[in-house]
Amino acid sequence: MPDQVASPSAAFRVVGPTDAEALADVFAELDSTFFRPHAFTPLHARWIAERAGRDLYALLLVDGRPVAYGMLRGWDEGYETPSLGIAVRSSEQHKGYGRALMHRLHEAARRRGAALVRLRVHPDNARARRLYERLGYRYRGVERGELLMTLSL
């Protein structure tokens, strides 16, 4: 199955008020070379964990340890189509966690009524581009110097 990961104990969790520490923990080991949607600080982790709104922030946990972070944003600003973003802890890459998190975020977007998701990817981020292409994303142009891709849900 395409969204299976190395560990059967992987769990998807929407970030809530008790997740600030787990979020800060995964933020500490994210590579921000290409992925910089916001600050990866403990203060911003607390803000995300305590916020209210339609935008969704999530963790993928393996054996209780956060290994990946993802989000669907834009609903709070009034957009119909959410922007998706993910990052996998540097020490946990190449284990299928990014793909698994993408599948879970797609499901969450569908449940919230989205017909389409979008993302931007840096042209030099070949590994991410391959993942998105394999998941069925299509190129739609360039936005803010990055490639714009969409997926119909």
Protein backbone atom coordinates (compact mmCIF):
# COMPACT_ATOMS: atom_id res chain seq x y z
CA MET A 1 0.00 0.00 0.00
CA PRO A 2 1.50 3.39 -0.99
CA ASP A 3 1.03 5.16 2.33
CA GLN A 4 2.49 2.48 4.57
CA VAL A 5 5.55 3.50 6.52
CA ALA A 6 8.39 1.55 8.06
CA SER A 7 6.66 1.40 11.44
CA PRO A 8 3.11 0.14 11.95
CA SER A 9 2.89 2.38 15.01
CA ALA A 10 2.84 5.58 12.90
CA ALA A 11 0.02 7.89 13.94
CA PHE A 12 -1.38 11.06 12.36
CA ARG A 13 -2.37 13.72 14.87
CA VAL A 14 -3.86 17.15 14.34
CA VAL A 15 -1.89 19.59 16.49
CA GLY A 16 -3.76 20.77 19.56
CA PRO A 17 -3.08 22.72 22.76
CA THR A 18 -1.00 19.96 24.35
CA ASP A 19 1.34 19.57 21.35
CA ALA A 20 3.58 22.63 21.64
CA GLU A 21 6.51 20.63 23.00
CA ALA A 22 6.21 17.86 20.37
CA LEU A 23 5.95 20.47 17.63
CA ALA A 24 9.02 22.34 18.90
CA ASP A 25 10.86 19.02 19.08
CA VAL A 26 10.27 18.23 15.40
CA PHE A 27 10.93 21.87 14.42
CA ALA A 28 14.42 21.57 15.94
CA GLU A 29 15.41 19.02 13.31
CA LEU A 30 13.76 20.28 10.13
CA ASP A 31 15.85 21.30 7.15
CA SER A 32 14.66 24.78 6.19
CA THR A 33 16.73 25.00 2.99
CA PHE A 34 13.59 24.80 0.84
CA PHE A 35 10.72 24.75 3.35
CA ARG A 36 10.24 28.02 5.25
CA PRO A 37 6.52 28.67 5.75
CA HIS A 38 7.09 30.26 9.17
CA ALA A 39 9.62 30.35 12.00
CA PHE A 40 10.59 26.95 13.42
CA THR A 41 10.93 28.18 16.99
CA PRO A 42 9.43 26.99 20.29
CA LEU A 43 7.45 30.25 20.45
CA HIS A 44 5.89 29.64 17.03
CA ALA A 45 5.23 25.99 17.96
CA ARG A 46 3.24 27.22 20.97
CA TRP A 47 1.33 29.70 18.81
CA ILE A 48 0.37 26.92 16.35
CA ALA A 49 -0.63 24.52 19.12
CA GLU A 50 -2.85 27.08 20.84
CA ARG A 51 -4.42 28.71 17.79
CA ALA A 52 -7.99 28.27 16.65
CA GLY A 53 -9.30 28.29 13.08
CA ARG A 54 -9.90 26.08 10.07
CA ASP A 55 -6.26 25.77 9.01
CA LEU A 56 -4.84 22.39 9.99
CA TYR A 57 -1.41 21.64 11.41
CA ALA A 58 -0.44 18.00 11.98
CA LEU A 59 2.27 15.66 13.18
CA LEU A 60 3.17 12.16 12.12
CA LEU A 61 4.38 10.25 15.18
CA VAL A 62 6.23 6.94 15.29
CA ASP A 63 6.31 5.22 18.66
CA GLY A 64 5.14 8.53 20.13
CA ARG A 65 8.02 10.56 18.61
CA PRO A 66 7.17 13.28 16.07
CA VAL A 67 8.93 12.45 12.79
CA ALA A 68 7.14 14.78 10.35
CA TYR A 69 5.14 17.99 10.29
CA GLY A 70 2.48 19.05 7.84
CA MET A 71 -0.12 21.72 7.28
CA LEU A 72 -3.10 22.77 5.22
CA ARG A 73 -3.33 26.56 5.27
CA GLY A 74 -5.34 29.28 3.60
CA TRP A 75 -8.86 28.53 4.82
CA ASP A 76 -8.47 31.03 7.66
CA GLU A 77 -7.67 33.71 5.07
CA GLY A 78 -10.76 32.84 3.02
CA TYR A 79 -9.21 30.68 0.30
CA GLU A 80 -11.23 27.73 -0.99
CA THR A 81 -8.13 25.74 -1.93
CA PRO A 82 -5.69 25.04 0.91
CA SER A 83 -1.93 25.19 0.52
CA LEU A 84 -0.20 22.03 1.67
CA GLY A 85 3.28 21.81 3.14
CA ILE A 86 5.28 19.06 4.81
CA ALA A 87 8.71 18.50 6.32
CA VAL A 88 10.31 15.35 7.67
CA ARG A 89 12.80 15.35 10.53
CA SER A 90 16.29 15.19 8.98
CA SER A 91 17.18 11.94 10.78
CA GLU A 92 13.96 10.26 9.60
CA GLN A 93 14.04 10.89 5.87
CA HIS A 94 13.81 8.14 3.23
CA LYS A 95 11.44 6.01 5.32
CA GLY A 96 8.13 6.85 3.63
CA TYR A 97 6.97 9.30 6.27
CA GLY A 98 6.56 12.21 3.86
CA ARG A 99 4.37 10.15 1.54
CA ALA A 100 2.31 8.85 4.48
CA LEU A 101 1.78 12.36 5.81
CA MET A 102 0.76 13.63 2.36
CA HIS A 103 -1.91 10.91 2.12
CA ARG A 104 -3.27 11.83 5.56
CA LEU A 105 -3.36 15.53 4.67
CA HIS A 106 -5.16 14.78 1.40
CA GLU A 107 -7.77 12.81 3.37
CA ALA A 108 -8.17 15.67 5.84
CA ALA A 109 -8.60 18.21 3.02
CA ARG A 110 -11.26 16.01 1.39
CA ARG A 111 -13.15 15.67 4.69
CA ARG A 112 -13.12 19.46 5.01
CA GLY A 113 -14.65 19.86 1.55
CA ALA A 114 -11.61 20.79 -0.55
CA ALA A 115 -11.71 19.66 -4.16
CA LEU A 116 -8.10 20.67 -4.80
CA VAL A 117 -4.88 21.24 -2.85
CA ARG A 118 -1.94 23.33 -3.95
CA LEU A 119 1.70 23.61 -2.97
CA ARG A 120 4.82 25.44 -3.99
CA VAL A 121 8.15 23.69 -4.37
CA HIS A 122 11.59 25.12 -5.01
CA PRO A 123 12.83 24.18 -8.51
CA ASP A 124 16.02 22.69 -6.99
CA ASN A 125 14.16 20.44 -4.55
CA ALA A 126 14.27 17.38 -6.82
CA ARG A 127 13.38 14.84 -4.13
CA ALA A 128 10.19 16.69 -3.16
CA ARG A 129 9.25 17.24 -6.79
CA ARG A 130 9.55 13.50 -7.50
CA LEU A 131 7.30 12.71 -4.53
CA TYR A 132 4.66 15.22 -5.60
CA GLU A 133 4.75 14.01 -9.21
CA ARG A 134 4.31 10.39 -8.07
CA LEU A 135 1.32 11.43 -5.96
CA GLY A 136 -0.32 12.94 -9.05
CA TYR A 137 0.42 16.65 -8.61
CA ARG A 138 0.54 18.69 -11.82
CA TYR A 139 2.61 21.79 -12.55
CA ARG A 140 0.54 24.98 -12.90
CA GLY A 141 3.16 27.70 -13.28
CA VAL A 142 5.49 29.71 -11.08
CA GLU A 143 4.57 31.67 -7.96
CA ARG A 144 7.05 33.71 -5.91
CA GLY A 145 9.98 32.00 -7.63
CA GLU A 146 8.74 28.49 -6.86
CA LEU A 147 6.90 25.92 -8.94
CA LEU A 148 3.16 25.84 -8.29
CA MET A 149 1.60 22.36 -8.26
CA THR A 150 -1.97 21.20 -7.66
CA LEU A 151 -3.72 17.91 -6.99
CA SER A 152 -7.41 17.26 -7.61
CA LEU A 153 -8.93 15.40 -4.71
